[in-house]
């Protein structure tokens, strides 16, 4: 196994691809549907219905963006884990082990305080890509 050059960032492939494709498709479909409505139909929507639709759409995009921005970055001082909108800085000394059993949705770090930290950037659904990232990260932990 080759040594990992730092800094190194891992991101999930499947989630980012699906989020980008489905997010773009949703925007295109909703805009096309609105444009295709005759004015008589558009006039039937109240202000509150329009606001609700925009807020629901914005909420969906916010959740999707949170999933797409997951990443983990290894530097000489430790790991930066980004899961959704939460960022966690971990020093190497805090990390006891990395685990990713068969069938696990993502990698998990065991920490020295007895807690765990999910690393959603390395997703089991990414197959070989995830196994390589797991091996690289595990080699850094020691």
N, C-alpha and C. Protein backbone atom coordinates (compact mmCIF):
# COMPACT_ATOMS: atom_id res chain seq x y z
N UNK A 1 0.85 -1.18 0.00
CA UNK A 1 0.00 0.00 0.00
C UNK A 1 0.90 1.24 0.00
N UNK A 2 0.55 2.21 -0.82
CA UNK A 2 1.35 3.42 -0.89
C UNK A 2 0.99 4.37 0.25
N UNK A 3 1.93 5.22 0.57
CA UNK A 3 1.70 6.19 1.63
C UNK A 3 0.78 7.30 1.13
N UNK A 4 -0.08 7.79 2.00
CA UNK A 4 -1.05 8.82 1.64
C UNK A 4 -0.39 10.18 1.78
N UNK A 5 -0.41 10.96 0.70
CA UNK A 5 0.14 12.31 0.73
C UNK A 5 -0.88 13.25 1.37
N UNK A 6 -0.41 14.03 2.35
CA UNK A 6 -1.29 14.96 3.05
C UNK A 6 -1.06 16.37 2.57
N UNK A 7 -2.07 17.20 2.54
CA UNK A 7 -3.45 16.95 2.92
C UNK A 7 -4.18 16.13 1.85
N UNK A 8 -5.14 15.36 2.30
CA UNK A 8 -5.93 14.49 1.42
C UNK A 8 -7.40 14.61 1.82
N UNK A 9 -8.26 14.78 0.82
CA UNK A 9 -9.70 14.90 1.07
C UNK A 9 -10.44 13.79 0.36
N UNK A 10 -11.38 13.17 1.08
CA UNK A 10 -12.25 12.14 0.51
C UNK A 10 -13.68 12.66 0.52
N UNK A 11 -14.40 12.38 -0.57
CA UNK A 11 -15.80 12.76 -0.69
C UNK A 11 -16.58 11.56 -1.24
N UNK A 12 -17.86 11.46 -0.89
CA UNK A 12 -18.65 10.35 -1.43
C UNK A 12 -18.97 10.60 -2.90
N UNK A 13 -18.97 9.56 -3.69
CA UNK A 13 -19.28 9.72 -5.12
C UNK A 13 -20.77 9.58 -5.38
N UNK A 14 -21.37 8.49 -4.91
CA UNK A 14 -22.76 8.21 -5.23
C UNK A 14 -23.72 9.29 -4.77
N UNK A 15 -23.55 9.74 -3.54
CA UNK A 15 -24.44 10.77 -2.98
C UNK A 15 -24.30 12.07 -3.76
N UNK A 16 -23.08 12.44 -4.08
CA UNK A 16 -22.87 13.69 -4.81
C UNK A 16 -23.43 13.60 -6.22
N UNK A 17 -23.23 12.47 -6.88
CA UNK A 17 -23.76 12.30 -8.23
C UNK A 17 -25.28 12.32 -8.23
N UNK A 18 -25.88 11.53 -7.34
CA UNK A 18 -27.34 11.47 -7.27
C UNK A 18 -27.92 12.83 -6.87
N UNK A 19 -27.32 13.48 -5.90
CA UNK A 19 -27.81 14.78 -5.46
C UNK A 19 -27.75 15.81 -6.57
N UNK A 20 -26.65 15.83 -7.29
CA UNK A 20 -26.53 16.79 -8.39
C UNK A 20 -27.50 16.51 -9.51
N UNK A 21 -27.60 15.26 -9.90
CA UNK A 21 -28.48 14.89 -11.02
C UNK A 21 -29.95 15.11 -10.65
N UNK A 22 -30.37 14.59 -9.48
CA UNK A 22 -31.78 14.71 -9.10
C UNK A 22 -32.14 16.14 -8.73
N UNK A 23 -31.21 16.87 -8.11
CA UNK A 23 -31.46 18.27 -7.79
C UNK A 23 -31.66 19.10 -9.04
N UNK A 24 -30.79 18.91 -10.02
CA UNK A 24 -30.92 19.64 -11.28
C UNK A 24 -32.21 19.23 -11.99
N UNK A 25 -32.51 17.94 -11.99
CA UNK A 25 -33.74 17.48 -12.64
C UNK A 25 -34.97 18.09 -11.97
N UNK A 26 -34.97 18.17 -10.65
CA UNK A 26 -36.10 18.75 -9.94
C UNK A 26 -36.27 20.23 -10.29
N UNK A 27 -35.17 20.97 -10.34
CA UNK A 27 -35.24 22.38 -10.70
C UNK A 27 -35.82 22.53 -12.11
N UNK A 28 -35.30 21.75 -13.06
CA UNK A 28 -35.76 21.84 -14.45
C UNK A 28 -37.25 21.49 -14.55
N UNK A 29 -37.66 20.43 -13.88
CA UNK A 29 -39.06 19.99 -13.96
C UNK A 29 -39.99 21.04 -13.35
N UNK A 30 -39.63 21.56 -12.17
CA UNK A 30 -40.50 22.55 -11.53
C UNK A 30 -40.58 23.85 -12.33
N UNK A 31 -39.46 24.30 -12.85
CA UNK A 31 -39.48 25.53 -13.66
C UNK A 31 -40.26 25.30 -14.95
N UNK A 32 -40.04 24.18 -15.60
CA UNK A 32 -40.77 23.87 -16.84
C UNK A 32 -42.27 23.75 -16.58
N UNK A 33 -42.64 23.13 -15.46
CA UNK A 33 -44.06 22.99 -15.14
C UNK A 33 -44.68 24.36 -14.92
N UNK A 34 -44.00 25.22 -14.17
CA UNK A 34 -44.54 26.56 -13.89
C UNK A 34 -44.67 27.36 -15.19
N UNK A 35 -43.68 27.29 -16.04
CA UNK A 35 -43.73 28.03 -17.31
C UNK A 35 -44.84 27.51 -18.20
N UNK A 36 -45.08 26.21 -18.16
CA UNK A 36 -46.09 25.62 -19.04
C UNK A 36 -47.53 25.88 -18.58
N UNK A 37 -47.71 26.27 -17.31
CA UNK A 37 -49.06 26.57 -16.83
C UNK A 37 -49.61 27.81 -17.54
N UNK A 38 -50.86 27.76 -17.95
CA UNK A 38 -51.46 28.98 -18.50
C UNK A 38 -51.63 30.02 -17.38
N UNK A 39 -51.73 31.27 -17.75
CA UNK A 39 -51.87 32.35 -16.76
C UNK A 39 -53.07 32.13 -15.85
N UNK A 40 -54.13 31.55 -16.37
CA UNK A 40 -55.33 31.32 -15.55
C UNK A 40 -55.04 30.35 -14.40
N UNK A 41 -54.15 29.39 -14.62
CA UNK A 41 -53.78 28.45 -13.56
C UNK A 41 -52.83 29.13 -12.57
N UNK A 42 -51.86 29.87 -13.07
CA UNK A 42 -50.90 30.56 -12.20
C UNK A 42 -51.62 31.53 -11.26
N UNK A 43 -52.68 32.18 -11.75
CA UNK A 43 -53.42 33.15 -10.94
C UNK A 43 -54.19 32.48 -9.80
N UNK A 44 -54.44 31.19 -9.89
CA UNK A 44 -55.17 30.48 -8.84
C UNK A 44 -54.29 30.21 -7.60
N UNK A 45 -52.99 30.29 -7.75
CA UNK A 45 -52.08 30.08 -6.62
C UNK A 45 -52.07 31.33 -5.74
N UNK A 46 -52.36 31.14 -4.45
CA UNK A 46 -52.31 32.27 -3.52
C UNK A 46 -50.87 32.57 -3.16
N UNK A 47 -50.66 33.71 -2.52
CA UNK A 47 -49.32 34.09 -2.09
C UNK A 47 -48.76 33.05 -1.12
N UNK A 48 -49.59 32.57 -0.19
CA UNK A 48 -49.14 31.59 0.79
C UNK A 48 -48.79 30.25 0.14
N UNK A 49 -49.52 29.86 -0.88
CA UNK A 49 -49.21 28.62 -1.60
C UNK A 49 -47.87 28.75 -2.32
N UNK A 50 -47.62 29.90 -2.88
CA UNK A 50 -46.34 30.14 -3.56
C UNK A 50 -45.18 30.14 -2.56
N UNK A 51 -45.39 30.80 -1.41
CA UNK A 51 -44.36 30.85 -0.38
C UNK A 51 -44.08 29.44 0.16
N UNK A 52 -45.13 28.68 0.42
CA UNK A 52 -44.98 27.31 0.92
C UNK A 52 -44.20 26.45 -0.08
N UNK A 53 -44.54 26.57 -1.34
CA UNK A 53 -43.84 25.79 -2.37
C UNK A 53 -42.36 26.15 -2.42
N UNK A 54 -42.06 27.43 -2.37
CA UNK A 54 -40.66 27.87 -2.41
C UNK A 54 -39.92 27.40 -1.16
N UNK A 55 -40.56 27.48 0.02
CA UNK A 55 -39.91 27.03 1.25
C UNK A 55 -39.67 25.52 1.25
N UNK A 56 -40.64 24.74 0.78
CA UNK A 56 -40.45 23.29 0.70
C UNK A 56 -39.32 22.94 -0.26
N UNK A 57 -39.32 23.60 -1.40
CA UNK A 57 -38.27 23.38 -2.40
C UNK A 57 -36.91 23.78 -1.83
N UNK A 58 -36.86 24.93 -1.15
CA UNK A 58 -35.61 25.38 -0.54
C UNK A 58 -35.14 24.42 0.54
N UNK A 59 -36.07 23.89 1.34
CA UNK A 59 -35.71 22.91 2.37
C UNK A 59 -35.13 21.65 1.77
N UNK A 60 -35.75 21.18 0.70
CA UNK A 60 -35.24 19.99 0.01
C UNK A 60 -33.82 20.24 -0.50
N UNK A 61 -33.61 21.38 -1.13
CA UNK A 61 -32.28 21.69 -1.66
C UNK A 61 -31.25 21.84 -0.54
N UNK A 62 -31.66 22.39 0.62
CA UNK A 62 -30.75 22.54 1.75
C UNK A 62 -30.31 21.18 2.29
N UNK A 63 -31.25 20.24 2.39
CA UNK A 63 -30.91 18.89 2.84
C UNK A 63 -30.00 18.21 1.83
N UNK A 64 -30.35 18.34 0.57
CA UNK A 64 -29.55 17.74 -0.49
C UNK A 64 -28.13 18.32 -0.51
N UNK A 65 -28.01 19.62 -0.37
CA UNK A 65 -26.70 20.27 -0.36
C UNK A 65 -25.89 19.79 0.86
N UNK A 66 -26.55 19.65 2.01
CA UNK A 66 -25.87 19.15 3.19
C UNK A 66 -25.27 17.77 2.97
N UNK A 67 -26.03 16.89 2.32
CA UNK A 67 -25.52 15.55 2.02
C UNK A 67 -24.39 15.60 1.01
N UNK A 68 -24.50 16.49 0.04
CA UNK A 68 -23.48 16.56 -1.00
C UNK A 68 -22.16 17.16 -0.50
N UNK A 69 -22.19 17.94 0.57
CA UNK A 69 -20.97 18.59 1.03
C UNK A 69 -20.17 17.76 2.03
N UNK A 70 -20.61 16.55 2.32
CA UNK A 70 -19.88 15.68 3.24
C UNK A 70 -18.46 15.43 2.71
N UNK A 71 -17.50 15.50 3.62
CA UNK A 71 -16.11 15.23 3.25
C UNK A 71 -15.30 15.00 4.51
N UNK A 72 -14.15 14.41 4.34
CA UNK A 72 -13.19 14.26 5.43
C UNK A 72 -11.82 14.63 4.86
N UNK A 73 -11.11 15.47 5.59
CA UNK A 73 -9.80 15.93 5.14
C UNK A 73 -8.76 15.56 6.19
N UNK A 74 -7.74 14.86 5.75
CA UNK A 74 -6.63 14.48 6.63
C UNK A 74 -5.48 15.45 6.41
N UNK A 75 -4.96 15.99 7.50
CA UNK A 75 -3.78 16.85 7.46
C UNK A 75 -2.78 16.28 8.47
N UNK A 76 -1.64 16.91 8.56
CA UNK A 76 -0.63 16.43 9.52
C UNK A 76 -1.11 16.56 10.96
N UNK A 77 -2.03 17.47 11.23
CA UNK A 77 -2.50 17.66 12.61
C UNK A 77 -3.71 16.82 12.97
N UNK A 78 -4.45 16.30 11.99
CA UNK A 78 -5.62 15.49 12.30
C UNK A 78 -6.62 15.44 11.16
N UNK A 79 -7.87 15.20 11.54
CA UNK A 79 -8.95 15.07 10.56
C UNK A 79 -9.98 16.18 10.74
N UNK A 80 -10.51 16.65 9.63
CA UNK A 80 -11.67 17.53 9.64
C UNK A 80 -12.79 16.73 9.00
N UNK A 81 -13.84 16.45 9.78
CA UNK A 81 -14.97 15.66 9.31
C UNK A 81 -16.15 16.60 9.11
N UNK A 82 -16.68 16.63 7.89
CA UNK A 82 -17.86 17.44 7.58
C UNK A 82 -18.99 16.49 7.23
N UNK A 83 -20.01 16.45 8.10
CA UNK A 83 -21.22 15.65 7.89
C UNK A 83 -22.38 16.63 7.80
N UNK A 84 -22.89 16.83 6.62
CA UNK A 84 -23.97 17.80 6.45
C UNK A 84 -23.45 19.19 6.75
N UNK A 85 -24.05 19.83 7.75
CA UNK A 85 -23.64 21.18 8.13
C UNK A 85 -22.81 21.21 9.41
N UNK A 86 -22.46 20.01 9.91
CA UNK A 86 -21.66 19.94 11.13
C UNK A 86 -20.20 19.65 10.76
N UNK A 87 -19.31 20.45 11.31
CA UNK A 87 -17.87 20.28 11.08
C UNK A 87 -17.22 19.89 12.40
N UNK A 88 -16.41 18.87 12.35
CA UNK A 88 -15.74 18.38 13.56
C UNK A 88 -14.25 18.27 13.30
N UNK A 89 -13.45 18.91 14.14
CA UNK A 89 -11.99 18.85 14.05
C UNK A 89 -11.49 17.81 15.05
N UNK A 90 -10.74 16.84 14.58
CA UNK A 90 -10.20 15.80 15.45
C UNK A 90 -8.68 15.74 15.31
N UNK A 91 -7.99 15.69 16.42
CA UNK A 91 -6.55 15.50 16.39
C UNK A 91 -6.28 14.00 16.25
N UNK A 92 -5.14 13.66 15.68
CA UNK A 92 -4.82 12.24 15.48
C UNK A 92 -4.84 11.47 16.80
N UNK A 93 -4.41 12.11 17.88
CA UNK A 93 -4.36 11.43 19.18
C UNK A 93 -5.76 11.07 19.68
N UNK A 94 -6.79 11.78 19.24
CA UNK A 94 -8.16 11.50 19.66
C UNK A 94 -8.75 10.26 18.98
N UNK A 95 -8.19 9.86 17.86
CA UNK A 95 -8.76 8.78 17.05
C UNK A 95 -8.09 7.46 17.43
N UNK A 96 -8.90 6.54 17.95
CA UNK A 96 -8.39 5.24 18.38
C UNK A 96 -8.40 4.25 17.22
N UNK A 97 -9.50 4.22 16.45
CA UNK A 97 -9.61 3.26 15.35
C UNK A 97 -10.65 3.74 14.35
N UNK A 98 -10.56 3.16 13.16
CA UNK A 98 -11.57 3.39 12.12
C UNK A 98 -12.21 2.04 11.82
N UNK A 99 -13.54 2.04 11.70
CA UNK A 99 -14.27 0.80 11.43
C UNK A 99 -15.23 1.01 10.28
N UNK A 100 -15.34 -0.03 9.46
CA UNK A 100 -16.33 -0.04 8.39
C UNK A 100 -16.68 -1.49 8.09
N UNK A 101 -17.50 -2.09 8.97
CA UNK A 101 -17.86 -3.50 8.76
C UNK A 101 -18.70 -3.67 7.49
N UNK A 102 -18.70 -4.86 6.95
CA UNK A 102 -19.50 -5.15 5.75
C UNK A 102 -20.95 -4.74 5.99
N UNK A 103 -21.51 -4.02 5.05
CA UNK A 103 -22.89 -3.59 5.14
C UNK A 103 -23.09 -2.27 5.86
N UNK A 104 -22.02 -1.71 6.43
CA UNK A 104 -22.14 -0.42 7.12
C UNK A 104 -22.41 0.69 6.11
N UNK A 105 -23.24 1.65 6.45
CA UNK A 105 -23.53 2.72 5.49
C UNK A 105 -22.34 3.66 5.28
N UNK A 106 -21.54 3.85 6.32
CA UNK A 106 -20.36 4.71 6.21
C UNK A 106 -19.35 4.35 7.28
N UNK A 107 -18.17 4.93 7.15
CA UNK A 107 -17.07 4.68 8.07
C UNK A 107 -17.39 5.30 9.43
N UNK A 108 -16.86 4.70 10.47
CA UNK A 108 -17.05 5.21 11.82
C UNK A 108 -15.70 5.27 12.52
N UNK A 109 -15.46 6.34 13.25
CA UNK A 109 -14.22 6.49 14.01
C UNK A 109 -14.51 6.26 15.49
N UNK A 110 -13.67 5.47 16.14
CA UNK A 110 -13.73 5.31 17.59
C UNK A 110 -12.80 6.35 18.19
N UNK A 111 -13.32 7.12 19.14
CA UNK A 111 -12.54 8.19 19.74
C UNK A 111 -12.09 7.84 21.15
N UNK A 112 -11.05 8.53 21.62
CA UNK A 112 -10.46 8.20 22.92
C UNK A 112 -11.38 8.49 24.11
N UNK A 113 -12.44 9.24 23.92
CA UNK A 113 -13.37 9.51 25.02
C UNK A 113 -14.50 8.48 25.08
N UNK A 114 -14.41 7.44 24.24
CA UNK A 114 -15.41 6.37 24.24
C UNK A 114 -16.57 6.60 23.29
N UNK A 115 -16.58 7.72 22.59
CA UNK A 115 -17.65 8.00 21.62
C UNK A 115 -17.20 7.61 20.22
N UNK A 116 -18.12 7.72 19.28
CA UNK A 116 -17.80 7.47 17.88
C UNK A 116 -18.14 8.70 17.06
N UNK A 117 -17.56 8.76 15.90
CA UNK A 117 -17.83 9.85 14.96
C UNK A 117 -18.08 9.24 13.59
N UNK A 118 -19.27 9.46 13.06
CA UNK A 118 -19.59 8.98 11.71
C UNK A 118 -18.82 9.80 10.69
N UNK A 119 -18.35 9.14 9.66
CA UNK A 119 -17.66 9.81 8.56
C UNK A 119 -18.47 9.51 7.29
N UNK A 120 -19.47 10.34 7.04
CA UNK A 120 -20.38 10.11 5.92
C UNK A 120 -19.71 10.32 4.56
N UNK A 121 -18.49 10.84 4.56
CA UNK A 121 -17.77 11.04 3.31
C UNK A 121 -17.30 9.73 2.70
N UNK A 122 -17.16 8.71 3.51
CA UNK A 122 -16.71 7.40 3.01
C UNK A 122 -17.90 6.46 3.17
N UNK A 123 -18.65 6.30 2.08
CA UNK A 123 -19.91 5.56 2.10
C UNK A 123 -19.72 4.16 1.53
N UNK A 124 -20.26 3.19 2.24
CA UNK A 124 -20.18 1.80 1.82
C UNK A 124 -20.73 1.57 0.43
N UNK A 125 -21.72 2.35 0.03
CA UNK A 125 -22.34 2.19 -1.29
C UNK A 125 -21.38 2.55 -2.43
N UNK A 126 -20.26 3.19 -2.11
CA UNK A 126 -19.27 3.53 -3.14
C UNK A 126 -18.34 2.36 -3.47
N UNK A 127 -18.53 1.22 -2.80
CA UNK A 127 -17.81 0.00 -3.14
C UNK A 127 -16.30 0.09 -3.00
N UNK A 128 -15.59 -0.23 -4.08
CA UNK A 128 -14.13 -0.26 -4.07
C UNK A 128 -13.54 1.10 -3.69
N UNK A 129 -14.14 2.15 -4.16
CA UNK A 129 -13.68 3.51 -3.83
C UNK A 129 -13.70 3.71 -2.31
N UNK A 130 -14.76 3.25 -1.64
CA UNK A 130 -14.88 3.37 -0.19
C UNK A 130 -13.86 2.49 0.51
N UNK A 131 -13.64 1.28 0.02
CA UNK A 131 -12.67 0.38 0.65
C UNK A 131 -11.26 0.96 0.55
N UNK A 132 -10.94 1.58 -0.57
CA UNK A 132 -9.62 2.21 -0.72
C UNK A 132 -9.47 3.39 0.24
N UNK A 133 -10.50 4.22 0.33
CA UNK A 133 -10.47 5.37 1.24
C UNK A 133 -10.33 4.89 2.68
N UNK A 134 -11.06 3.84 3.03
CA UNK A 134 -10.99 3.26 4.38
C UNK A 134 -9.57 2.77 4.66
N UNK A 135 -8.98 2.07 3.72
CA UNK A 135 -7.62 1.57 3.90
C UNK A 135 -6.63 2.73 4.05
N UNK A 136 -6.77 3.76 3.23
CA UNK A 136 -5.89 4.93 3.34
C UNK A 136 -6.02 5.59 4.71
N UNK A 137 -7.26 5.80 5.13
CA UNK A 137 -7.48 6.47 6.42
C UNK A 137 -6.99 5.62 7.58
N UNK A 138 -7.22 4.33 7.48
CA UNK A 138 -6.77 3.41 8.53
C UNK A 138 -5.24 3.41 8.64
N UNK A 139 -4.55 3.52 7.49
CA UNK A 139 -3.09 3.56 7.52
C UNK A 139 -2.57 4.85 8.19
N UNK A 140 -3.35 5.91 8.10
CA UNK A 140 -2.95 7.17 8.74
C UNK A 140 -3.15 7.11 10.25
N UNK A 141 -4.16 6.36 10.67
CA UNK A 141 -4.46 6.26 12.10
C UNK A 141 -3.42 5.39 12.79
N UNK A 142 -2.95 4.38 12.08
CA UNK A 142 -1.89 3.55 12.63
C UNK A 142 -2.34 2.23 13.16
